[in-house]
Amino acid sequence: MAQTEYMAAYEKDNLRQIRLKINRKTEPDLLAWIEKQNNIQGYIKRLILEDMERGKENEDR
């Protein structure tokens, strides 16, 4: 199996891509903030994980 075929199979089995569209006209501040981040994917994952933790804390109450 060629490396590209292997990678395609790996991605199909293990990865999920999620797209986000941001309107340049109605959400320019949001877009500017995101574009300032060094690692956009890491930034978004960290925000989600923090939100998940807050959700767990609220469930414990």
C-alpha atoms as a PDB file:
ATOM      1  CA  MET A   1       0.000   0.000   0.000  1.00  0.00           C
ATOM      2  CA  ALA A   2       1.428   3.373  -0.955  1.00  0.00           C
ATOM      3  CA  GLN A   3       1.904   5.921   1.771  1.00  0.00           C
ATOM      4  CA  THR A   4      -0.884   8.168   0.429  1.00  0.00           C
ATOM      5  CA  GLU A   5      -3.305   5.223   0.444  1.00  0.00           C
ATOM      6  CA  TYR A   6      -2.251   4.386   3.978  1.00  0.00           C
ATOM      7  CA  MET A   7      -2.780   7.975   5.113  1.00  0.00           C
ATOM      8  CA  ALA A   8      -6.181   8.119   3.429  1.00  0.00           C
ATOM      9  CA  ALA A   9      -7.242   4.907   5.171  1.00  0.00           C
ATOM     10  CA  TYR A  10      -5.871   6.129   8.504  1.00  0.00           C
ATOM     11  CA  GLU A  11      -7.718   9.438   8.223  1.00  0.00           C
ATOM     12  CA  LYS A  12     -10.958   7.699   7.253  1.00  0.00           C
ATOM     13  CA  ASP A  13     -10.754   5.367  10.256  1.00  0.00           C
ATOM     14  CA  ASN A  14      -9.389   7.764  12.880  1.00  0.00           C
ATOM     15  CA  LEU A  15     -10.061  11.405  12.104  1.00  0.00           C
ATOM     16  CA  ARG A  16     -13.127  13.606  11.891  1.00  0.00           C
ATOM     17  CA  GLN A  17     -12.917  17.004  10.285  1.00  0.00           C
ATOM     18  CA  ILE A  18     -15.224  19.744  11.528  1.00  0.00           C
ATOM     19  CA  ARG A  19     -15.538  22.970   9.568  1.00  0.00           C
ATOM     20  CA  LEU A  20     -16.425  26.366  10.912  1.00  0.00           C
ATOM     21  CA  LYS A  21     -17.516  29.265   8.748  1.00  0.00           C
ATOM     22  CA  ILE A  22     -17.111  32.797  10.080  1.00  0.00           C
ATOM     23  CA  ASN A  23     -18.711  35.725   8.293  1.00  0.00           C
ATOM     24  CA  ARG A  24     -16.107  38.425   7.599  1.00  0.00           C
ATOM     25  CA  LYS A  25     -18.776  41.134   7.520  1.00  0.00           C
ATOM     26  CA  THR A  26     -20.830  40.266  10.604  1.00  0.00           C
ATOM     27  CA  GLU A  27     -18.143  38.675  12.812  1.00  0.00           C
ATOM     28  CA  PRO A  28     -14.893  40.493  12.026  1.00  0.00           C
ATOM     29  CA  ASP A  29     -13.876  40.710  15.691  1.00  0.00           C
ATOM     30  CA  LEU A  30     -14.271  36.952  16.133  1.00  0.00           C
ATOM     31  CA  LEU A  31     -12.261  36.247  12.995  1.00  0.00           C
ATOM     32  CA  ALA A  32      -9.497  38.660  14.013  1.00  0.00           C
ATOM     33  CA  TRP A  33      -9.233  37.047  17.448  1.00  0.00           C
ATOM     34  CA  ILE A  34      -9.006  33.534  16.047  1.00  0.00           C
ATOM     35  CA  GLU A  35      -6.432  34.547  13.453  1.00  0.00           C
ATOM     36  CA  LYS A  36      -4.198  35.967  16.216  1.00  0.00           C
ATOM     37  CA  GLN A  37      -3.874  32.529  17.810  1.00  0.00           C
ATOM     38  CA  ASN A  38      -0.606  30.675  17.152  1.00  0.00           C
ATOM     39  CA  ASN A  39      -2.356  27.291  17.046  1.00  0.00           C
ATOM     40  CA  ILE A  40      -6.016  27.661  16.096  1.00  0.00           C
ATOM     41  CA  GLN A  41      -6.812  23.958  16.390  1.00  0.00           C
ATOM     42  CA  GLY A  42      -5.166  23.716  19.789  1.00  0.00           C
ATOM     43  CA  TYR A  43      -6.914  26.886  20.948  1.00  0.00           C
ATOM     44  CA  ILE A  44     -10.349  25.581  19.981  1.00  0.00           C
ATOM     45  CA  LYS A  45      -9.687  22.167  21.544  1.00  0.00           C
ATOM     46  CA  ARG A  46      -8.558  23.821  24.787  1.00  0.00           C
ATOM     47  CA  LEU A  47     -11.726  25.939  24.916  1.00  0.00           C
ATOM     48  CA  ILE A  48     -13.884  22.857  24.393  1.00  0.00           C
ATOM     49  CA  LEU A  49     -12.032  20.878  27.069  1.00  0.00           C
ATOM     50  CA  GLU A  50     -12.386  23.770  29.528  1.00  0.00           C
ATOM     51  CA  ASP A  51     -16.105  23.953  28.764  1.00  0.00           C
ATOM     52  CA  MET A  52     -16.430  20.198  29.296  1.00  0.00           C
ATOM     53  CA  GLU A  53     -14.774  20.558  32.701  1.00  0.00           C
ATOM     54  CA  ARG A  54     -17.166  23.357  33.660  1.00  0.00           C
ATOM     55  CA  GLY A  55     -20.043  21.127  32.603  1.00  0.00           C
ATOM     56  CA  LYS A  56     -18.778  18.326  34.839  1.00  0.00           C
ATOM     57  CA  GLU A  57     -18.469  20.758  37.749  1.00  0.00           C
ATOM     58  CA  ASN A  58     -22.071  21.879  37.254  1.00  0.00           C
ATOM     59  CA  GLU A  59     -23.260  18.251  37.179  1.00  0.00           C
ATOM     60  CA  ASP A  60     -21.606  17.625  40.540  1.00  0.00           C
ATOM     61  CA  ARG A  61     -23.652  20.358  42.212  1.00  0.00           C
END
